[in-house]
Amino acid sequence: MADEKLTAPPLPGAVSQRLMSLDALRGFDMFWIIGAEDLFHGLNKISNTGVFRVIAEQLDHADWQGFHFYDLIFPLFVFIVGVSLVFSLGKAIETAGRGAAVRRVIRRGVILFLLGIFYYGGFSHDWPDIRLMGVLNRIALCYLFAGLIFCFFRLKGMLTICAALLIGYWALLSFVPFPDVRPVAGGAQTICRETGITNVAQLNLTSTNLISGVFVKGINLAHYVDQKYLPGMKWDGTWDPEGLLSTLPAIATCLLGVFAGLLLKSKNIKDSRKVRYLLAAGLAAVLLGHVWGLQFPVIKKIWSSSYVLVAGGYSALLLGLFYLVIDVWKYQKWCQPFLWIGMNSITVYMANNIINFDRLGLRLAGGDVKRYLDNAVATGFGDLIVALVGLGFGIWLCHFLYRKKIFLRL
């Protein structure tokens, strides 16, 4: 769901003219979203060994503070948005002018935002049970604002804006006071304890006790803003992990991708040096993010500035590795399935919502079939087969669309 996702790719025969590593990395990201993590959860049930247990844990989100591999999937996608728009909008500005590029950004941002509302049920629910801020909505806003910034600012200006977003967000959450809306205003022990509040009716919205610098689940400035000002359904009851205030650092994540895209697009830097720059910058960002996390914890659900650096760093490392192997060394056959998925990512994402590959796997290999496999082979083997069926159908769909040269154009 990025600018590349919104642009119909060229025909498969012309793939070599594109940055194949970027398409493959996008497909690698979507590979986990459409069900690959279920394979490892199934393997963990079968073996229950240390290695698969660790992998299975990494394929679940950290409950609050901390960073697992699965916490990289969403920001990696936003990062790829930034890389992609450098190539697509750069070309649009060169050929049609900045005005046309701006109109393109606004149009696609709006369409993707509306798709986000549709993804979570559209108007099948009565107000206020309609979700306005979700995954696609955040991607739409990141694409919109990062795209406009790219159209109107040079590199130095974009760097300044990115730093201002990260430092400004840290300052807001660290120093701006907000009402302690818990039913009983607490001291240090209560502040350090997760609240577990999930219902607005449980909150003391008339509280006059002000607190600041608190990063507790449900009790922090970002979630307070959602409680007060975000209309519609909130994913976590009183707040949304894709809420209003936390969209600001998410835009910075997209800008980090823009910087990587500018590096890859440069004709004055050798490919091998581009790889070194990406790997060095990625490693530095991960380390800096964890150091910053000592004061401003690495938390996905408020998209903390430290989380932006850690996720952006890992994203740069992955992009560097994919670029080295696929576009520099030209080892490309292994990545074909990722390429099928990556060039139809918005299609497969929406299809997974409508069809639901997990449920399809259960329909074909669940129930008595799954029970038999668990009993006859090993506990968890049925889950593994169900996951394989669902994931296999998702990959087959992407391959079918790729072969038929069917790509979603918005």
Protein backbone atom coordinates (compact mmCIF):
# COMPACT_ATOMS: atom_id res chain seq x y z
CA MET A 1 0.00 0.00 0.00
CA ALA A 2 2.51 2.51 -1.13
CA ASP A 3 2.99 4.73 -4.13
CA GLU A 4 4.40 1.80 -6.06
CA LYS A 5 1.42 -0.20 -4.87
CA LEU A 6 -0.88 2.44 -6.22
CA THR A 7 0.84 2.47 -9.59
CA ALA A 8 0.20 -0.28 -12.08
CA PRO A 9 3.61 -1.89 -12.64
CA PRO A 10 4.93 -2.48 -16.14
CA LEU A 11 4.46 -5.79 -17.83
CA PRO A 12 6.36 -8.73 -16.35
CA GLY A 13 8.75 -8.72 -19.28
CA ALA A 14 9.88 -5.26 -18.24
CA VAL A 15 10.64 -6.10 -14.64
CA SER A 16 14.38 -5.66 -15.26
CA GLN A 17 13.79 -1.93 -15.85
CA ARG A 18 12.44 -1.57 -12.31
CA LEU A 19 14.20 -1.74 -8.99
CA MET A 20 13.47 -5.42 -8.57
CA SER A 21 14.81 -5.53 -5.02
CA LEU A 22 12.16 -3.03 -3.90
CA ASP A 23 9.33 -5.06 -5.42
CA ALA A 24 10.75 -8.22 -3.84
CA LEU A 25 11.15 -6.57 -0.42
CA ARG A 26 7.56 -5.40 -0.58
CA GLY A 27 6.51 -8.94 -1.43
CA PHE A 28 8.63 -10.31 1.44
CA ASP A 29 6.79 -7.95 3.77
CA MET A 30 3.37 -8.98 2.47
CA PHE A 31 4.40 -12.65 2.62
CA TRP A 32 4.15 -12.49 6.42
CA ILE A 33 0.92 -10.52 6.38
CA ILE A 34 -0.93 -13.09 4.26
CA GLY A 35 -0.12 -15.97 6.56
CA ALA A 36 3.52 -17.05 6.63
CA GLU A 37 3.69 -16.53 10.39
CA ASP A 38 1.10 -19.30 10.85
CA LEU A 39 3.55 -21.78 9.33
CA PHE A 40 6.03 -21.18 12.12
CA HIS A 41 3.34 -21.23 14.79
CA GLY A 42 2.37 -24.64 13.43
CA LEU A 43 5.98 -25.82 13.43
CA ASN A 44 6.32 -24.62 17.01
CA LYS A 45 3.32 -26.74 18.02
CA ILE A 46 4.86 -29.78 16.35
CA SER A 47 8.40 -29.49 17.67
CA ASN A 48 8.05 -27.29 20.75
CA THR A 49 11.83 -26.76 20.64
CA GLY A 50 13.74 -23.64 21.61
CA VAL A 51 14.43 -22.47 18.05
CA PHE A 52 10.82 -22.63 16.85
CA ARG A 53 9.58 -21.21 20.15
CA VAL A 54 11.81 -18.17 19.72
CA ILE A 55 10.72 -17.75 16.08
CA ALA A 56 7.05 -18.05 17.06
CA GLU A 57 7.51 -15.41 19.75
CA GLN A 58 9.13 -13.09 17.20
CA LEU A 59 6.10 -13.57 14.94
CA ASP A 60 3.78 -12.03 17.54
CA HIS A 61 3.72 -8.33 18.38
CA ALA A 62 5.35 -7.21 21.59
CA ASP A 63 2.49 -6.68 24.01
CA TRP A 64 3.61 -3.11 24.73
CA GLN A 65 7.23 -2.11 25.18
CA GLY A 66 9.94 -3.87 23.18
CA PHE A 67 10.52 -4.97 19.60
CA HIS A 68 9.77 -8.26 17.85
CA PHE A 69 10.26 -9.11 14.18
CA TYR A 70 6.50 -8.79 13.65
CA ASP A 71 6.70 -5.19 14.89
CA LEU A 72 8.80 -4.47 11.80
CA ILE A 73 6.20 -5.51 9.22
CA PHE A 74 4.09 -2.34 9.30
CA PRO A 75 6.89 0.27 9.49
CA LEU A 76 8.83 -1.60 6.81
CA PHE A 77 5.83 -1.12 4.56
CA VAL A 78 5.68 2.60 5.36
CA PHE A 79 9.44 2.81 4.73
CA ILE A 80 8.93 1.20 1.32
CA VAL A 81 6.28 3.82 0.57
CA GLY A 82 8.95 6.46 0.93
CA VAL A 83 11.47 4.63 -1.25
CA SER A 84 8.86 4.09 -3.95
CA LEU A 85 7.57 7.64 -4.14
CA VAL A 86 11.07 8.96 -4.89
CA PHE A 87 11.03 7.08 -8.19
CA SER A 88 7.37 7.56 -9.15
CA LEU A 89 6.93 11.18 -8.06
CA GLY A 90 10.40 12.13 -9.25
CA LYS A 91 9.47 10.93 -12.71
CA ALA A 92 6.07 12.65 -12.53
CA ILE A 93 7.66 15.97 -11.61
CA GLU A 94 10.18 15.67 -14.45
CA THR A 95 7.57 14.79 -17.09
CA ALA A 96 4.36 16.55 -16.01
CA GLY A 97 5.46 19.16 -13.48
CA ARG A 98 5.08 19.60 -9.75
CA GLY A 99 1.39 20.54 -9.93
CA ALA A 100 0.48 17.25 -11.60
CA ALA A 101 2.56 15.34 -9.05
CA VAL A 102 0.76 17.10 -6.18
CA ARG A 103 -2.64 16.28 -7.64
CA ARG A 104 -1.54 12.68 -8.02
CA VAL A 105 -0.43 12.48 -4.40
CA ILE A 106 -3.68 13.96 -3.10
CA ARG A 107 -5.89 11.78 -5.30
CA ARG A 108 -4.16 8.55 -4.37
CA GLY A 109 -3.92 9.46 -0.72
CA VAL A 110 -7.67 10.07 -0.56
CA ILE A 111 -8.50 6.85 -2.43
CA LEU A 112 -6.25 4.78 -0.19
CA PHE A 113 -7.76 6.39 2.91
CA LEU A 114 -11.25 5.45 1.71
CA LEU A 115 -10.06 1.91 1.01
CA GLY A 116 -8.89 1.82 4.62
CA ILE A 117 -12.40 2.62 5.84
CA PHE A 118 -13.79 -0.07 3.53
CA TYR A 119 -11.21 -2.58 4.83
CA TYR A 120 -12.59 -2.34 8.36
CA GLY A 121 -16.19 -2.81 7.31
CA GLY A 122 -17.03 0.48 5.63
CA PHE A 123 -20.54 1.54 6.50
CA SER A 124 -21.74 -1.93 7.48
CA HIS A 125 -21.64 -0.72 11.10
CA ASP A 126 -23.63 2.09 12.65
CA TRP A 127 -21.85 5.19 13.82
CA PRO A 128 -19.78 5.43 16.01
CA ASP A 129 -18.65 1.85 15.31
CA ILE A 130 -16.86 2.84 12.10
CA ARG A 131 -13.07 2.89 12.27
CA LEU A 132 -11.52 5.95 10.66
CA MET A 133 -7.87 5.32 11.52
CA GLY A 134 -6.43 1.93 10.60
CA VAL A 135 -3.42 0.46 8.82
CA LEU A 136 -4.34 1.59 5.31
CA ASN A 137 -5.46 4.96 6.63
CA ARG A 138 -2.08 5.51 8.28
CA ILE A 139 -0.28 4.49 5.10
CA ALA A 140 -2.48 6.89 3.15
CA LEU A 141 -1.62 9.79 5.47
CA CYS A 142 2.09 8.94 5.44
CA TYR A 143 2.09 8.76 1.66
CA LEU A 144 0.11 12.00 1.38
CA PHE A 145 2.28 14.12 3.66
CA ALA A 146 5.63 12.56 2.73
CA GLY A 147 4.68 12.93 -0.94
CA LEU A 148 3.82 16.62 -0.51
CA ILE A 149 7.03 17.20 1.44
CA PHE A 150 8.99 15.51 -1.35
CA CYS A 151 7.31 17.73 -3.94
CA PHE A 152 8.05 21.01 -2.15
CA PHE A 153 11.32 20.53 -0.25
CA ARG A 154 14.90 19.65 -1.05
CA LEU A 155 16.95 17.13 0.91
CA LYS A 156 18.03 19.57 3.65
CA GLY A 157 14.44 20.65 4.23
CA MET A 158 13.21 17.04 4.37
CA LEU A 159 15.94 16.15 6.87
CA THR A 160 14.91 19.09 9.04
CA ILE A 161 11.23 18.10 8.91
CA CYS A 162 12.03 14.46 9.76
CA ALA A 163 14.14 15.47 12.76
CA ALA A 164 11.48 17.96 13.87
CA LEU A 165 8.79 15.27 13.76
CA LEU A 166 10.81 12.84 15.87
CA ILE A 167 12.12 15.36 18.40
CA GLY A 168 8.83 17.24 18.54
CA TYR A 169 6.85 14.06 19.18
CA TRP A 170 9.28 13.08 21.94
CA ALA A 171 8.91 16.52 23.51
CA LEU A 172 5.12 16.37 23.36
CA LEU A 173 4.87 12.97 25.01
CA SER A 174 7.60 13.73 27.54
CA PHE A 175 6.70 17.23 28.72
CA VAL A 176 3.14 18.21 27.79
CA PRO A 177 0.82 17.60 30.79
CA PHE A 178 -2.55 15.88 30.34
CA PRO A 179 -5.28 14.78 32.76
CA ASP A 180 -4.78 11.48 34.56
CA VAL A 181 -8.06 9.97 33.42
CA ARG A 182 -7.84 6.76 35.46
CA PRO A 183 -10.73 6.27 37.89
CA VAL A 184 -8.31 6.75 40.78
CA ALA A 185 -5.49 9.20 40.23
CA GLY A 186 -2.35 7.28 41.12
CA GLY A 187 1.15 7.74 42.38
CA ALA A 188 4.32 6.33 40.91
CA GLN A 189 3.32 2.69 41.40
CA THR A 190 0.01 3.16 39.57
CA ILE A 191 1.67 5.12 36.78
CA CYS A 192 4.15 2.30 36.21
CA ARG A 193 1.40 -0.34 36.10
CA GLU A 194 -0.51 -1.09 32.90
CA THR A 195 -4.08 0.07 33.27
CA GLY A 196 -6.11 -2.49 31.38
CA ILE A 197 -8.83 0.13 30.78
CA THR A 198 -10.76 -0.70 27.62
CA ASN A 199 -14.02 1.21 28.04
CA VAL A 200 -14.43 4.99 27.87
CA ALA A 201 -17.03 4.76 30.63
CA GLN A 202 -14.27 3.60 32.99
CA LEU A 203 -12.28 6.79 32.49
CA ASN A 204 -12.41 9.83 34.72
CA LEU A 205 -12.52 12.38 31.93
CA THR A 206 -13.15 15.23 34.40
CA SER A 207 -9.89 14.60 36.26
CA THR A 208 -7.90 17.70 37.17
CA ASN A 209 -4.79 15.79 38.19
CA LEU A 210 -2.20 16.47 35.47
CA ILE A 211 0.66 14.13 34.60
CA SER A 212 3.36 14.10 31.90
CA GLY A 213 6.14 11.88 30.65
CA VAL A 214 4.04 8.75 31.17
CA PHE A 215 4.23 5.93 28.61
CA VAL A 216 1.73 3.48 30.11
CA LYS A 217 -0.68 1.55 27.90
CA GLY A 218 -3.80 3.70 27.62
CA ILE A 219 -2.32 6.47 29.78
CA ASN A 220 -0.08 8.71 27.71
CA LEU A 221 -0.57 11.88 25.71
CA ALA A 222 -1.09 10.09 22.38
CA HIS A 223 -3.86 7.91 23.79
CA TYR A 224 -5.41 10.82 25.67
CA VAL A 225 -5.69 12.73 22.38
CA ASP A 226 -7.46 9.72 20.86
CA GLN A 227 -9.83 9.50 23.84
CA LYS A 228 -10.77 13.16 23.49
CA TYR A 229 -10.60 13.89 19.79
CA LEU A 230 -10.61 10.72 17.64
CA PRO A 231 -14.17 10.00 16.47
CA GLY A 232 -15.54 6.61 15.56
CA MET A 233 -14.44 3.18 16.71
CA LYS A 234 -11.05 2.89 18.41
CA TRP A 235 -9.26 -0.43 17.96
CA ASP A 236 -8.24 -0.79 21.59
CA GLY A 237 -11.36 0.55 23.24
CA THR A 238 -10.32 3.99 24.45
CA TRP A 239 -7.45 4.55 21.99
CA ASP A 240 -6.15 3.41 18.63
CA PRO A 241 -2.62 2.18 17.79
CA GLU A 242 -3.03 4.07 14.50
CA GLY A 243 -4.34 7.16 16.24
CA LEU A 244 -4.04 10.88 15.59
CA LEU A 245 -0.88 12.06 17.33
CA SER A 246 1.19 8.96 16.57
CA THR A 247 0.72 9.60 12.85
CA LEU A 248 3.36 12.34 13.12
CA PRO A 249 6.34 10.02 13.76
CA ALA A 250 4.90 7.55 11.21
CA ILE A 251 5.39 10.28 8.58
CA ALA A 252 9.02 10.40 9.69
CA THR A 253 9.26 6.66 9.02
CA CYS A 254 8.11 7.33 5.47
CA LEU A 255 10.68 10.12 5.12
CA LEU A 256 13.43 7.71 6.16
CA GLY A 257 12.35 5.65 3.16
CA VAL A 258 12.53 8.77 0.99
CA PHE A 259 16.16 9.27 2.03
CA ALA A 260 16.94 5.65 1.12
CA GLY A 261 15.17 6.12 -2.22
CA LEU A 262 17.21 9.25 -3.00
CA LEU A 263 20.36 7.27 -2.29
CA LEU A 264 19.34 4.40 -4.57
CA LYS A 265 18.28 6.80 -7.33
CA SER A 266 21.57 8.69 -7.31
CA LYS A 267 23.71 8.13 -10.40
CA ASN A 268 26.81 9.56 -8.79
CA ILE A 269 27.25 6.78 -6.21
CA LYS A 270 28.41 3.27 -7.06
CA ASP A 271 26.01 0.45 -6.25
CA SER A 272 28.45 -1.18 -3.84
CA ARG A 273 28.80 2.08 -1.94
CA LYS A 274 25.00 2.47 -1.81
CA VAL A 275 24.83 -0.90 -0.08
CA ARG A 276 27.47 0.13 2.44
CA TYR A 277 25.65 3.39 3.17
CA LEU A 278 22.35 1.57 3.71
CA LEU A 279 23.89 -1.02 6.01
CA ALA A 280 25.87 1.54 8.00
CA ALA A 281 22.90 3.91 8.34
CA GLY A 282 20.64 1.02 9.31
CA LEU A 283 22.96 -0.22 12.01
CA ALA A 284 23.46 3.30 13.38
CA ALA A 285 19.70 3.93 13.49
CA VAL A 286 19.04 0.67 15.36
CA LEU A 287 21.69 1.48 17.96
CA LEU A 288 20.57 5.10 18.35
CA GLY A 289 16.94 4.00 18.66
CA HIS A 290 17.72 1.58 21.49
CA VAL A 291 19.79 4.23 23.29
CA TRP A 292 16.93 6.74 22.95
CA GLY A 293 14.61 3.98 24.14
CA LEU A 294 16.21 4.14 27.59
CA GLN A 295 14.23 7.37 28.11
CA PHE A 296 11.53 7.16 25.41
CA PRO A 297 10.73 3.43 25.23
CA VAL A 298 10.50 1.50 21.97
CA ILE A 299 6.71 1.08 21.69
CA LYS A 300 4.91 0.30 18.44
CA LYS A 301 1.44 1.21 19.70
CA ILE A 302 2.41 4.85 20.21
CA TRP A 303 4.96 4.74 17.35
CA SER A 304 7.58 6.26 19.65
CA SER A 305 10.50 8.13 18.09
CA SER A 306 12.89 5.44 19.33
CA TYR A 307 10.68 2.85 17.61
CA VAL A 308 10.91 4.85 14.37
CA LEU A 309 14.70 4.67 14.47
CA VAL A 310 14.85 0.97 15.38
CA ALA A 311 12.30 -0.04 12.72
CA GLY A 312 13.78 2.33 10.14
CA GLY A 313 17.23 0.93 10.82
CA TYR A 314 16.12 -2.65 10.31
CA SER A 315 14.24 -1.57 7.17
CA ALA A 316 17.42 0.00 5.75
CA LEU A 317 19.38 -3.17 6.56
CA LEU A 318 16.84 -5.35 4.75
CA LEU A 319 16.72 -2.99 1.77
CA GLY A 320 20.51 -2.99 1.58
CA LEU A 321 20.65 -6.79 1.61
CA PHE A 322 17.88 -7.20 -0.96
CA TYR A 323 19.47 -4.55 -3.20
CA LEU A 324 22.89 -6.22 -2.94
CA VAL A 325 21.67 -9.73 -3.72
CA ILE A 326 19.03 -8.92 -6.35
CA ASP A 327 20.14 -5.74 -8.15
CA VAL A 328 23.92 -5.83 -7.65
CA TRP A 329 24.79 -9.55 -7.64
CA LYS A 330 21.79 -10.34 -9.90
CA TYR A 331 20.69 -13.43 -7.94
CA GLN A 332 17.02 -13.12 -8.83
CA LYS A 333 15.34 -16.48 -9.38
CA TRP A 334 14.82 -17.14 -5.66
CA CYS A 335 12.77 -13.97 -5.19
CA GLN A 336 10.13 -14.61 -7.89
CA PRO A 337 7.30 -15.46 -5.42
CA PHE A 338 8.07 -12.27 -3.50
CA LEU A 339 7.98 -10.39 -6.79
CA TRP A 340 4.51 -11.74 -7.62
CA ILE A 341 3.24 -10.63 -4.22
CA GLY A 342 5.04 -7.31 -4.20
CA MET A 343 3.72 -6.19 -7.56
CA ASN A 344 0.13 -6.89 -6.49
CA SER A 345 0.41 -6.04 -2.81
CA ILE A 346 -2.64 -3.82 -2.47
CA THR A 347 -4.71 -6.41 -4.33
CA VAL A 348 -3.64 -9.31 -2.12
CA TYR A 349 -4.04 -7.22 1.03
CA MET A 350 -7.64 -6.37 0.16
CA ALA A 351 -8.28 -9.93 -1.06
CA ASN A 352 -7.05 -11.32 2.25
CA ASN A 353 -9.57 -9.09 4.01
CA ILE A 354 -12.48 -10.13 1.79
CA ILE A 355 -11.58 -13.80 1.22
CA ASN A 356 -9.42 -14.34 4.32
CA PHE A 357 -6.80 -16.92 3.39
CA ASP A 358 -6.72 -18.29 6.95
CA ARG A 359 -10.44 -19.07 6.86
CA LEU A 360 -10.07 -20.52 3.36
CA GLY A 361 -7.37 -22.85 4.68
CA LEU A 362 -9.72 -23.93 7.48
CA ARG A 363 -12.53 -24.57 5.03
CA LEU A 364 -10.33 -26.87 2.96
CA ALA A 365 -8.25 -28.54 5.67
CA GLY A 366 -9.89 -27.75 9.01
CA GLY A 367 -12.35 -29.64 11.17
CA ASP A 368 -12.03 -33.41 11.01
CA VAL A 369 -9.15 -33.19 8.51
CA LYS A 370 -7.11 -31.05 10.88
CA ARG A 371 -8.03 -33.26 13.83
CA TYR A 372 -6.98 -36.39 11.95
CA LEU A 373 -3.62 -34.90 10.98
CA ASP A 374 -2.99 -33.81 14.58
CA ASN A 375 -3.72 -37.31 15.85
CA ALA A 376 -2.14 -39.34 13.04
CA VAL A 377 1.04 -37.33 12.48
CA ALA A 378 1.79 -34.90 15.31
CA THR A 379 0.08 -32.25 17.39
CA GLY A 380 0.13 -29.05 15.38
CA PHE A 381 0.55 -30.75 12.00
CA GLY A 382 -3.06 -29.91 11.14
CA ASP A 383 -2.39 -26.24 11.87
CA LEU A 384 0.67 -26.39 9.62
CA ILE A 385 -1.33 -27.84 6.71
CA VAL A 386 -4.11 -25.28 7.18
CA ALA A 387 -1.50 -22.49 7.10
CA LEU A 388 0.15 -23.96 3.99
CA VAL A 389 -3.18 -24.16 2.17
CA GLY A 390 -4.13 -20.57 3.01
CA LEU A 391 -0.71 -19.14 2.19
CA GLY A 392 -0.47 -21.24 -0.96
CA PHE A 393 -3.74 -19.83 -2.24
CA GLY A 394 -2.56 -16.27 -1.58
CA ILE A 395 0.66 -16.85 -3.50
CA TRP A 396 -1.21 -18.62 -6.31
CA LEU A 397 -3.56 -15.64 -6.63
CA CYS A 398 -0.63 -13.23 -6.93
CA HIS A 399 1.06 -15.48 -9.52
CA PHE A 400 -2.16 -15.74 -11.52
CA LEU A 401 -2.57 -11.94 -11.58
CA TYR A 402 1.09 -11.51 -12.49
CA ARG A 403 0.88 -13.96 -15.41
CA LYS A 404 -2.32 -12.34 -16.66
CA LYS A 405 -0.68 -8.91 -16.35
CA ILE A 406 -3.46 -7.75 -14.05
CA PHE A 407 -2.30 -4.97 -11.73
CA LEU A 408 -4.46 -2.68 -9.64
CA ARG A 409 -4.32 0.93 -10.78
CA LEU A 410 -5.80 3.66 -8.57
